[in-house]
Amino acid sequence: MEAAINRYRILAFAVGVMLLMVVFVGMPIRYIGGNPTPSGIISPIHGALYIVYLAFAFDLHRRAGWPLKQFLIMVSGGLVPFLAFFVERKIVREARALLPGT
């Protein structure tokens, strides 16, 4: 399960950073600066990473045997700016508590 935790951690961080870039770089440049190019590049990258993040989150959720509510919390991490970083810490802490010997 440690490998699933590490995969989840990496993708949670990547998705969180890309979401911040979409919201605080791409969108302002698009709507204030009138240049759609940065958000046209950043948004699809975030979307692709989010799909992979969902797969890794589901894998960790399944391995840990958590209820659906826990998975929905994990999913929300990639949708709300800054939330991914808080959710990731909580989920990793709870997942590592399930490991034998901890």
PDB file of N, CA and C in Angstrom:
ATOM      1  N   MET A   1       0.831  -1.199   0.000  1.00  0.00           N
ATOM      2  CA  MET A   1       0.000   0.000   0.000  1.00  0.00           C
ATOM      3  C   MET A   1       0.868   1.251   0.000  1.00  0.00           C
ATOM      4  N   GLU A   2       2.110   1.130   0.431  1.00  0.00           N
ATOM      5  CA  GLU A   2       2.995   2.298   0.455  1.00  0.00           C
ATOM      6  C   GLU A   2       3.193   2.877  -0.954  1.00  0.00           C
ATOM      7  N   ALA A   3       3.276   2.005  -1.952  1.00  0.00           N
ATOM      8  CA  ALA A   3       3.424   2.485  -3.333  1.00  0.00           C
ATOM      9  C   ALA A   3       2.187   3.270  -3.769  1.00  0.00           C
ATOM     10  N   ALA A   4       1.004   2.810  -3.390  1.00  0.00           N
ATOM     11  CA  ALA A   4      -0.236   3.522  -3.721  1.00  0.00           C
ATOM     12  C   ALA A   4      -0.272   4.882  -3.027  1.00  0.00           C
ATOM     13  N   ILE A   5       0.213   4.937  -1.799  1.00  0.00           N
ATOM     14  CA  ILE A   5       0.270   6.212  -1.077  1.00  0.00           C
ATOM     15  C   ILE A   5       1.204   7.177  -1.784  1.00  0.00           C
ATOM     16  N   ASN A   6       2.365   6.691  -2.184  1.00  0.00           N
ATOM     17  CA  ASN A   6       3.334   7.564  -2.861  1.00  0.00           C
ATOM     18  C   ASN A   6       2.819   8.058  -4.207  1.00  0.00           C
ATOM     19  N   ARG A   7       2.168   7.179  -4.958  1.00  0.00           N
ATOM     20  CA  ARG A   7       1.581   7.616  -6.242  1.00  0.00           C
ATOM     21  C   ARG A   7       0.539   8.697  -6.002  1.00  0.00           C
ATOM     22  N   TYR A   8      -0.307   8.468  -5.008  1.00  0.00           N
ATOM     23  CA  TYR A   8      -1.336   9.452  -4.680  1.00  0.00           C
ATOM     24  C   TYR A   8      -0.710  10.788  -4.276  1.00  0.00           C
ATOM     25  N   ARG A   9       0.313  10.745  -3.439  1.00  0.00           N
ATOM     26  CA  ARG A   9       0.971  11.981  -2.974  1.00  0.00           C
ATOM     27  C   ARG A   9       1.517  12.789  -4.142  1.00  0.00           C
ATOM     28  N   ILE A  10       2.211  12.129  -5.049  1.00  0.00           N
ATOM     29  CA  ILE A  10       2.819  12.819  -6.186  1.00  0.00           C
ATOM     30  C   ILE A  10       1.752  13.470  -7.056  1.00  0.00           C
ATOM     31  N   LEU A  11       0.706  12.721  -7.358  1.00  0.00           N
ATOM     32  CA  LEU A  11      -0.348  13.278  -8.216  1.00  0.00           C
ATOM     33  C   LEU A  11      -1.147  14.355  -7.508  1.00  0.00           C
ATOM     34  N   ALA A  12      -1.362  14.218  -6.210  1.00  0.00           N
ATOM     35  CA  ALA A  12      -2.087  15.250  -5.472  1.00  0.00           C
ATOM     36  C   ALA A  12      -1.316  16.568  -5.523  1.00  0.00           C
ATOM     37  N   PHE A  13      -0.012  16.494  -5.356  1.00  0.00           N
ATOM     38  CA  PHE A  13       0.806  17.705  -5.426  1.00  0.00           C
ATOM     39  C   PHE A  13       0.771  18.302  -6.831  1.00  0.00           C
ATOM     40  N   ALA A  14       0.960  17.461  -7.842  1.00  0.00           N
ATOM     41  CA  ALA A  14       0.968  17.955  -9.226  1.00  0.00           C
ATOM     42  C   ALA A  14      -0.367  18.584  -9.603  1.00  0.00           C
ATOM     43  N   VAL A  15      -1.462  17.927  -9.244  1.00  0.00           N
ATOM     44  CA  VAL A  15      -2.794  18.457  -9.560  1.00  0.00           C
ATOM     45  C   VAL A  15      -3.043  19.757  -8.805  1.00  0.00           C
ATOM     46  N   GLY A  16      -2.625  19.811  -7.544  1.00  0.00           N
ATOM     47  CA  GLY A  16      -2.788  21.037  -6.759  1.00  0.00           C
ATOM     48  C   GLY A  16      -2.028  22.213  -7.350  1.00  0.00           C
ATOM     49  N   VAL A  17      -0.790  21.973  -7.757  1.00  0.00           N
ATOM     50  CA  VAL A  17       0.018  23.043  -8.362  1.00  0.00           C
ATOM     51  C   VAL A  17      -0.587  23.482  -9.687  1.00  0.00           C
ATOM     52  N   MET A  18      -0.989  22.522 -10.510  1.00  0.00           N
ATOM     53  CA  MET A  18      -1.564  22.885 -11.808  1.00  0.00           C
ATOM     54  C   MET A  18      -2.881  23.640 -11.655  1.00  0.00           C
ATOM     55  N   LEU A  19      -3.687  23.277 -10.667  1.00  0.00           N
ATOM     56  CA  LEU A  19      -4.934  24.006 -10.434  1.00  0.00           C
ATOM     57  C   LEU A  19      -4.643  25.440 -10.018  1.00  0.00           C
ATOM     58  N   LEU A  20      -3.644  25.629  -9.181  1.00  0.00           N
ATOM     59  CA  LEU A  20      -3.257  26.993  -8.800  1.00  0.00           C
ATOM     60  C   LEU A  20      -2.778  27.783 -10.016  1.00  0.00           C
ATOM     61  N   MET A  21      -2.034  27.116 -10.897  1.00  0.00           N
ATOM     62  CA  MET A  21      -1.577  27.802 -12.107  1.00  0.00           C
ATOM     63  C   MET A  21      -2.751  28.179 -13.008  1.00  0.00           C
ATOM     64  N   VAL A  22      -3.733  27.296 -13.114  1.00  0.00           N
ATOM     65  CA  VAL A  22      -4.919  27.619 -13.917  1.00  0.00           C
ATOM     66  C   VAL A  22      -5.629  28.835 -13.343  1.00  0.00           C
ATOM     67  N   VAL A  23      -5.882  28.809 -12.035  1.00  0.00           N
ATOM     68  CA  VAL A  23      -6.685  29.850 -11.401  1.00  0.00           C
ATOM     69  C   VAL A  23      -5.950  31.174 -11.280  1.00  0.00           C
ATOM     70  N   PHE A  24      -4.659  31.134 -10.931  1.00  0.00           N
ATOM     71  CA  PHE A  24      -3.948  32.374 -10.634  1.00  0.00           C
ATOM     72  C   PHE A  24      -3.017  32.860 -11.739  1.00  0.00           C
ATOM     73  N   VAL A  25      -2.820  32.054 -12.781  1.00  0.00           N
ATOM     74  CA  VAL A  25      -1.991  32.491 -13.906  1.00  0.00           C
ATOM     75  C   VAL A  25      -2.811  32.474 -15.195  1.00  0.00           C
ATOM     76  N   GLY A  26      -3.301  31.296 -15.556  1.00  0.00           N
ATOM     77  CA  GLY A  26      -3.992  31.150 -16.836  1.00  0.00           C
ATOM     78  C   GLY A  26      -5.253  31.977 -16.970  1.00  0.00           C
ATOM     79  N   MET A  27      -6.112  31.908 -15.978  1.00  0.00           N
ATOM     80  CA  MET A  27      -7.386  32.627 -16.069  1.00  0.00           C
ATOM     81  C   MET A  27      -7.215  34.152 -16.035  1.00  0.00           C
ATOM     82  N   PRO A  28      -6.397  34.709 -15.143  1.00  0.00           N
ATOM     83  CA  PRO A  28      -6.216  36.169 -15.189  1.00  0.00           C
ATOM     84  C   PRO A  28      -5.622  36.661 -16.512  1.00  0.00           C
ATOM     85  N   ILE A  29      -4.656  35.897 -17.041  1.00  0.00           N
ATOM     86  CA  ILE A  29      -4.066  36.313 -18.319  1.00  0.00           C
ATOM     87  C   ILE A  29      -5.112  36.229 -19.424  1.00  0.00           C
ATOM     88  N   ARG A  30      -5.979  35.235 -19.341  1.00  0.00           N
ATOM     89  CA  ARG A  30      -7.023  35.090 -20.360  1.00  0.00           C
ATOM     90  C   ARG A  30      -8.061  36.208 -20.258  1.00  0.00           C
ATOM     91  N   TYR A  31      -8.592  36.443 -19.057  1.00  0.00           N
ATOM     92  CA  TYR A  31      -9.729  37.347 -18.920  1.00  0.00           C
ATOM     93  C   TYR A  31      -9.346  38.792 -18.649  1.00  0.00           C
ATOM     94  N   ILE A  32      -8.196  39.019 -18.081  1.00  0.00           N
ATOM     95  CA  ILE A  32      -7.751  40.403 -17.858  1.00  0.00           C
ATOM     96  C   ILE A  32      -6.819  40.850 -18.975  1.00  0.00           C
ATOM     97  N   GLY A  33      -5.907  39.951 -19.352  1.00  0.00           N
ATOM     98  CA  GLY A  33      -4.932  40.297 -20.380  1.00  0.00           C
ATOM     99  C   GLY A  33      -5.375  40.038 -21.798  1.00  0.00           C
ATOM    100  N   GLY A  34      -6.443  39.277 -21.968  1.00  0.00           N
ATOM    101  CA  GLY A  34      -6.956  39.009 -23.306  1.00  0.00           C
ATOM    102  C   GLY A  34      -6.139  37.996 -24.098  1.00  0.00           C
ATOM    103  N   ASN A  35      -5.313  37.206 -23.414  1.00  0.00           N
ATOM    104  CA  ASN A  35      -4.481  36.223 -24.100  1.00  0.00           C
ATOM    105  C   ASN A  35      -4.879  34.813 -23.638  1.00  0.00           C
ATOM    106  N   PRO A  36      -5.544  34.046 -24.478  1.00  0.00           N
ATOM    107  CA  PRO A  36      -6.007  32.723 -24.062  1.00  0.00           C
ATOM    108  C   PRO A  36      -4.944  31.623 -24.127  1.00  0.00           C
ATOM    109  N   THR A  37      -3.757  31.925 -24.620  1.00  0.00           N
ATOM    110  CA  THR A  37      -2.734  30.897 -24.819  1.00  0.00           C
ATOM    111  C   THR A  37      -2.306  30.193 -23.529  1.00  0.00           C
ATOM    112  N   PRO A  38      -1.935  30.928 -22.453  1.00  0.00           N
ATOM    113  CA  PRO A  38      -1.491  30.204 -21.248  1.00  0.00           C
ATOM    114  C   PRO A  38      -2.557  29.264 -20.673  1.00  0.00           C
ATOM    115  N   SER A  39      -3.795  29.721 -20.584  1.00  0.00           N
ATOM    116  CA  SER A  39      -4.823  28.826 -20.034  1.00  0.00           C
ATOM    117  C   SER A  39      -5.135  27.695 -21.012  1.00  0.00           C
ATOM    118  N   GLY A  40      -4.932  27.937 -22.288  1.00  0.00           N
ATOM    119  CA  GLY A  40      -5.120  26.894 -23.283  1.00  0.00           C
ATOM    120  C   GLY A  40      -4.076  25.799 -23.186  1.00  0.00           C
ATOM    121  N   ILE A  41      -2.952  26.110 -22.576  1.00  0.00           N
ATOM    122  CA  ILE A  41      -1.891  25.118 -22.361  1.00  0.00           C
ATOM    123  C   ILE A  41      -2.032  24.484 -20.973  1.00  0.00           C
ATOM    124  N   ILE A  42      -2.233  25.314 -19.963  1.00  0.00           N
ATOM    125  CA  ILE A  42      -2.246  24.843 -18.575  1.00  0.00           C
ATOM    126  C   ILE A  42      -3.488  24.016 -18.269  1.00  0.00           C
ATOM    127  N   SER A  43      -4.649  24.450 -18.735  1.00  0.00           N
ATOM    128  CA  SER A  43      -5.905  23.762 -18.395  1.00  0.00           C
ATOM    129  C   SER A  43      -5.946  22.307 -18.860  1.00  0.00           C
ATOM    130  N   PRO A  44      -5.565  21.985 -20.093  1.00  0.00           N
ATOM    131  CA  PRO A  44      -5.580  20.577 -20.498  1.00  0.00           C
ATOM    132  C   PRO A  44      -4.579  19.713 -19.719  1.00  0.00           C
ATOM    133  N   ILE A  45      -3.445  20.311 -19.340  1.00  0.00           N
ATOM    134  CA  ILE A  45      -2.475  19.557 -18.535  1.00  0.00           C
ATOM    135  C   ILE A  45      -3.087  19.229 -17.185  1.00  0.00           C
ATOM    136  N   HIS A  46      -3.735  20.220 -16.570  1.00  0.00           N
ATOM    137  CA  HIS A  46      -4.411  19.972 -15.293  1.00  0.00           C
ATOM    138  C   HIS A  46      -5.489  18.900 -15.461  1.00  0.00           C
ATOM    139  N   GLY A  47      -6.254  18.978 -16.531  1.00  0.00           N
ATOM    140  CA  GLY A  47      -7.310  17.997 -16.764  1.00  0.00           C
ATOM    141  C   GLY A  47      -6.778  16.584 -16.912  1.00  0.00           C
ATOM    142  N   ALA A  48      -5.696  16.423 -17.664  1.00  0.00           N
ATOM    143  CA  ALA A  48      -5.101  15.101 -17.853  1.00  0.00           C
ATOM    144  C   ALA A  48      -4.536  14.571 -16.538  1.00  0.00           C
ATOM    145  N   LEU A  49      -3.850  15.432 -15.802  1.00  0.00           N
ATOM    146  CA  LEU A  49      -3.309  15.005 -14.511  1.00  0.00           C
ATOM    147  C   LEU A  49      -4.429  14.658 -13.533  1.00  0.00           C
ATOM    148  N   TYR A  50      -5.531  15.389 -13.605  1.00  0.00           N
ATOM    149  CA  TYR A  50      -6.653  15.126 -12.706  1.00  0.00           C
ATOM    150  C   TYR A  50      -7.253  13.752 -12.968  1.00  0.00           C
ATOM    151  N   ILE A  51      -7.322  13.346 -14.216  1.00  0.00           N
ATOM    152  CA  ILE A  51      -7.847  12.021 -14.545  1.00  0.00           C
ATOM    153  C   ILE A  51      -6.948  10.938 -13.956  1.00  0.00           C
ATOM    154  N   VAL A  52      -5.636  11.112 -14.083  1.00  0.00           N
ATOM    155  CA  VAL A  52      -4.702  10.146 -13.492  1.00  0.00           C
ATOM    156  C   VAL A  52      -4.821  10.180 -11.971  1.00  0.00           C
ATOM    157  N   TYR A  53      -4.972  11.384 -11.416  1.00  0.00           N
ATOM    158  CA  TYR A  53      -5.159  11.542  -9.971  1.00  0.00           C
ATOM    159  C   TYR A  53      -6.394  10.773  -9.495  1.00  0.00           C
ATOM    160  N   LEU A  54      -7.469  10.853 -10.236  1.00  0.00           N
ATOM    161  CA  LEU A  54      -8.686  10.116  -9.874  1.00  0.00           C
ATOM    162  C   LEU A  54      -8.431   8.612  -9.833  1.00  0.00           C
ATOM    163  N   ALA A  55      -7.682   8.116 -10.802  1.00  0.00           N
ATOM    164  CA  ALA A  55      -7.368   6.680 -10.829  1.00  0.00           C
ATOM    165  C   ALA A  55      -6.530   6.287  -9.618  1.00  0.00           C
ATOM    166  N   PHE A  56      -5.524   7.099  -9.279  1.00  0.00           N
ATOM    167  CA  PHE A  56      -4.677   6.787  -8.132  1.00  0.00           C
ATOM    168  C   PHE A  56      -5.431   6.952  -6.822  1.00  0.00           C
ATOM    169  N   ALA A  57      -6.312   7.944  -6.754  1.00  0.00           N
ATOM    170  CA  ALA A  57      -7.115   8.139  -5.550  1.00  0.00           C
ATOM    171  C   ALA A  57      -8.055   6.953  -5.358  1.00  0.00           C
ATOM    172  N   PHE A  58      -8.658   6.489  -6.439  1.00  0.00           N
ATOM    173  CA  PHE A  58      -9.540   5.335  -6.336  1.00  0.00           C
ATOM    174  C   PHE A  58      -8.770   4.098  -5.909  1.00  0.00           C
ATOM    175  N   ASP A  59      -7.572   3.920  -6.451  1.00  0.00           N
ATOM    176  CA  ASP A  59      -6.744   2.776  -6.084  1.00  0.00           C
ATOM    177  C   ASP A  59      -6.428   2.795  -4.589  1.00  0.00           C
ATOM    178  N   LEU A  60      -6.016   3.939  -4.072  1.00  0.00           N
ATOM    179  CA  LEU A  60      -5.716   4.043  -2.643  1.00  0.00           C
ATOM    180  C   LEU A  60      -6.975   3.837  -1.811  1.00  0.00           C
ATOM    181  N   HIS A  61      -8.070   4.428  -2.250  1.00  0.00           N
ATOM    182  CA  HIS A  61      -9.355   4.273  -1.560  1.00  0.00           C
ATOM    183  C   HIS A  61      -9.763   2.802  -1.475  1.00  0.00           C
ATOM    184  N   ARG A  62      -9.607   2.093  -2.561  1.00  0.00           N
ATOM    185  CA  ARG A  62      -9.967   0.668  -2.617  1.00  0.00           C
ATOM    186  C   ARG A  62      -9.063  -0.164  -1.705  1.00  0.00           C
ATOM    187  N   ARG A  63      -7.773   0.095  -1.768  1.00  0.00           N
ATOM    188  CA  ARG A  63      -6.819  -0.663  -0.940  1.00  0.00           C
ATOM    189  C   ARG A  63      -7.049  -0.415   0.549  1.00  0.00           C
ATOM    190  N   ALA A  64      -7.407   0.817   0.905  1.00  0.00           N
ATOM    191  CA  ALA A  64      -7.610   1.159   2.314  1.00  0.00           C
ATOM    192  C   ALA A  64      -8.968   0.702   2.822  1.00  0.00           C
ATOM    193  N   GLY A  65      -9.920   0.455   1.919  1.00  0.00           N
ATOM    194  CA  GLY A  65     -11.247   0.018   2.326  1.00  0.00           C
ATOM    195  C   GLY A  65     -12.074   1.125   2.966  1.00  0.00           C
ATOM    196  N   TRP A  66     -11.843   2.351   2.524  1.00  0.00           N
ATOM    197  CA  TRP A  66     -12.546   3.502   3.087  1.00  0.00           C
ATOM    198  C   TRP A  66     -13.961   3.614   2.506  1.00  0.00           C
ATOM    199  N   PRO A  67     -14.841   4.346   3.206  1.00  0.00           N
ATOM    200  CA  PRO A  67     -16.197   4.577   2.674  1.00  0.00           C
ATOM    201  C   PRO A  67     -16.168   5.584   1.515  1.00  0.00           C
ATOM    202  N   LEU A  68     -17.264   5.676   0.812  1.00  0.00           N
ATOM    203  CA  LEU A  68     -17.378   6.571  -0.336  1.00  0.00           C
ATOM    204  C   LEU A  68     -17.089   8.026   0.042  1.00  0.00           C
ATOM    205  N   LYS A  69     -17.483   8.429   1.226  1.00  0.00           N
ATOM    206  CA  LYS A  69     -17.246   9.809   1.669  1.00  0.00           C
ATOM    207  C   LYS A  69     -15.763  10.165   1.599  1.00  0.00           C
ATOM    208  N   GLN A  70     -14.913   9.244   1.978  1.00  0.00           N
ATOM    209  CA  GLN A  70     -13.464   9.488   1.947  1.00  0.00           C
ATOM    210  C   GLN A  70     -13.000   9.707   0.504  1.00  0.00           C
ATOM    211  N   PHE A  71     -13.530   8.934  -0.416  1.00  0.00           N
ATOM    212  CA  PHE A  71     -13.166   9.103  -1.822  1.00  0.00           C
ATOM    213  C   PHE A  71     -13.645  10.456  -2.344  1.00  0.00           C
ATOM    214  N   LEU A  72     -14.827  10.875  -1.952  1.00  0.00           N
ATOM    215  CA  LEU A  72     -15.330  12.176  -2.391  1.00  0.00           C
ATOM    216  C   LEU A  72     -14.477  13.320  -1.851  1.00  0.00           C
ATOM    217  N   ILE A  73     -13.960  13.165  -0.660  1.00  0.00           N
ATOM    218  CA  ILE A  73     -13.026  14.161  -0.115  1.00  0.00           C
ATOM    219  C   ILE A  73     -11.762  14.192  -0.958  1.00  0.00           C
ATOM    220  N   MET A  74     -11.273  13.023  -1.333  1.00  0.00           N
ATOM    221  CA  MET A  74     -10.067  12.948  -2.166  1.00  0.00           C
ATOM    222  C   MET A  74     -10.309  13.602  -3.526  1.00  0.00           C
ATOM    223  N   VAL A  75     -11.466  13.357  -4.108  1.00  0.00           N
ATOM    224  CA  VAL A  75     -11.806  13.918  -5.413  1.00  0.00           C
ATOM    225  C   VAL A  75     -11.853  15.443  -5.353  1.00  0.00           C
ATOM    226  N   SER A  76     -12.396  15.977  -4.281  1.00  0.00           N
ATOM    227  CA  SER A  76     -12.529  17.430  -4.156  1.00  0.00           C
ATOM    228  C   SER A  76     -11.180  18.143  -4.115  1.00  0.00           C
ATOM    229  N   GLY A  77     -10.132  17.420  -3.747  1.00  0.00           N
ATOM    230  CA  GLY A  77      -8.805  18.029  -3.692  1.00  0.00           C
ATOM    231  C   GLY A  77      -8.332  18.599  -5.021  1.00  0.00           C
ATOM    232  N   GLY A  78      -8.761  18.034  -6.106  1.00  0.00           N
ATOM    233  CA  GLY A  78      -8.343  18.524  -7.415  1.00  0.00           C
ATOM    234  C   GLY A  78      -9.276  19.547  -8.016  1.00  0.00           C
ATOM    235  N   LEU A  79     -10.317  19.912  -7.285  1.00  0.00           N
ATOM    236  CA  LEU A  79     -11.310  20.842  -7.814  1.00  0.00           C
ATOM    237  C   LEU A  79     -11.303  22.208  -7.139  1.00  0.00           C
ATOM    238  N   VAL A  80     -10.814  22.270  -5.913  1.00  0.00           N
ATOM    239  CA  VAL A  80     -10.828  23.510  -5.133  1.00  0.00           C
ATOM    240  C   VAL A  80      -9.386  23.955  -4.907  1.00  0.00           C
ATOM    241  N   PRO A  81      -9.022  25.171  -5.310  1.00  0.00           N
ATOM    242  CA  PRO A  81      -7.636  25.624  -5.121  1.00  0.00           C
ATOM    243  C   PRO A  81      -7.193  25.509  -3.657  1.00  0.00           C
ATOM    244  N   PHE A  82      -5.961  25.082  -3.464  1.00  0.00           N
ATOM    245  CA  PHE A  82      -5.293  24.883  -2.179  1.00  0.00           C
ATOM    246  C   PHE A  82      -5.781  23.657  -1.411  1.00  0.00           C
ATOM    247  N   LEU A  83      -6.949  23.144  -1.715  1.00  0.00           N
ATOM    248  CA  LEU A  83      -7.498  22.032  -0.943  1.00  0.00           C
ATOM    249  C   LEU A  83      -6.683  20.753  -1.129  1.00  0.00           C
ATOM    250  N   ALA A  84      -6.086  20.561  -2.288  1.00  0.00           N
ATOM    251  CA  ALA A  84      -5.324  19.340  -2.557  1.00  0.00           C
ATOM    252  C   ALA A  84      -4.220  19.135  -1.535  1.00  0.00           C
ATOM    253  N   PHE A  85      -3.596  20.206  -1.096  1.00  0.00           N
ATOM    254  CA  PHE A  85      -2.476  20.094  -0.173  1.00  0.00           C
ATOM    255  C   PHE A  85      -2.943  19.660   1.218  1.00  0.00           C
ATOM    256  N   PHE A  86      -4.095  20.151   1.638  1.00  0.00           N
ATOM    257  CA  PHE A  86      -4.646  19.770   2.940  1.00  0.00           C
ATOM    258  C   PHE A  86      -5.204  18.352   2.912  1.00  0.00           C
ATOM    259  N   VAL A  87      -5.917  18.026   1.848  1.00  0.00           N
ATOM    260  CA  VAL A  87      -6.504  16.698   1.717  1.00  0.00           C
ATOM    261  C   VAL A  87      -5.398  15.650   1.629  1.00  0.00           C
ATOM    262  N   GLU A  88      -4.359  15.954   0.877  1.00  0.00           N
ATOM    263  CA  GLU A  88      -3.258  15.004   0.718  1.00  0.00           C
ATOM    264  C   GLU A  88      -2.647  14.654   2.066  1.00  0.00           C
ATOM    265  N   ARG A  89      -2.392  15.645   2.892  1.00  0.00           N
ATOM    266  CA  ARG A  89      -1.789  15.382   4.212  1.00  0.00           C
ATOM    267  C   ARG A  89      -2.706  14.517   5.069  1.00  0.00           C
ATOM    268  N   LYS A  90      -3.989  14.824   5.047  1.00  0.00           N
ATOM    269  CA  LYS A  90      -4.953  14.064   5.849  1.00  0.00           C
ATOM    270  C   LYS A  90      -5.045  12.619   5.362  1.00  0.00           C
ATOM    271  N   ILE A  91      -5.165  12.437   4.068  1.00  0.00           N
ATOM    272  CA  ILE A  91      -5.325  11.100   3.495  1.00  0.00           C
ATOM    273  C   ILE A  91      -4.076  10.261   3.727  1.00  0.00           C
ATOM    274  N   VAL A  92      -2.911  10.842   3.504  1.00  0.00           N
ATOM    275  CA  VAL A  92      -1.663  10.095   3.684  1.00  0.00           C
ATOM    276  C   VAL A  92      -1.499   9.693   5.146  1.00  0.00           C
ATOM    277  N   ARG A  93      -1.814  10.591   6.055  1.00  0.00           N
ATOM    278  CA  ARG A  93      -1.717  10.275   7.491  1.00  0.00           C
ATOM    279  C   ARG A  93      -2.632   9.099   7.836  1.00  0.00           C
ATOM    280  N   GLU A  94      -3.862   9.140   7.342  1.00  0.00           N
ATOM    281  CA  GLU A  94      -4.815   8.067   7.629  1.00  0.00           C
ATOM    282  C   GLU A  94      -4.421   6.761   6.949  1.00  0.00           C
ATOM    283  N   ALA A  95      -3.896   6.843   5.746  1.00  0.00           N
ATOM    284  CA  ALA A  95      -3.487   5.619   5.022  1.00  0.00           C
ATOM    285  C   ALA A  95      -2.282   4.976   5.690  1.00  0.00           C
ATOM    286  N   ARG A  96      -1.336   5.784   6.112  1.00  0.00           N
ATOM    287  CA  ARG A  96      -0.149   5.229   6.776  1.00  0.00           C
ATOM    288  C   ARG A  96      -0.511   4.629   8.139  1.00  0.00           C
ATOM    289  N   ALA A  97      -1.545   5.119   8.775  1.00  0.00           N
ATOM    290  CA  ALA A  97      -1.981   4.543  10.049  1.00  0.00           C
ATOM    291  C   ALA A  97      -2.519   3.123   9.854  1.00  0.00           C
ATOM    292  N   LEU A  98      -2.944   2.808   8.640  1.00  0.00           N
ATOM    293  CA  LEU A  98      -3.465   1.472   8.351  1.00  0.00           C
ATOM    294  C   LEU A  98      -2.358   0.457   8.058  1.00  0.00           C
ATOM    295  N   LEU A  99      -1.152   0.947   7.796  1.00  0.00           N
ATOM    296  CA  LEU A  99      -0.051   0.045   7.467  1.00  0.00           C
ATOM    297  C   LEU A  99       0.355  -0.767   8.690  1.00  0.00           C
ATOM    298  N   PRO A 100       0.733  -2.011   8.481  1.00  0.00           N
ATOM    299  CA  PRO A 100       1.166  -2.828   9.624  1.00  0.00           C
ATOM    300  C   PRO A 100       2.465  -2.267  10.215  1.00  0.00           C
ATOM    301  N   GLY A 101       2.560  -2.308  11.514  1.00  0.00           N
ATOM    302  CA  GLY A 101       3.763  -1.841  12.190  1.00  0.00           C
ATOM    303  C   GLY A 101       3.774  -0.360  12.500  1.00  0.00           C
ATOM    304  N   THR A 102       2.643   0.353  12.275  1.00  0.00           N
ATOM    305  CA  THR A 102       2.607   1.792  12.589  1.00  0.00           C
ATOM    306  C   THR A 102       1.696   2.050  13.747  1.00  0.00           C
TER     307      THR A 102
END
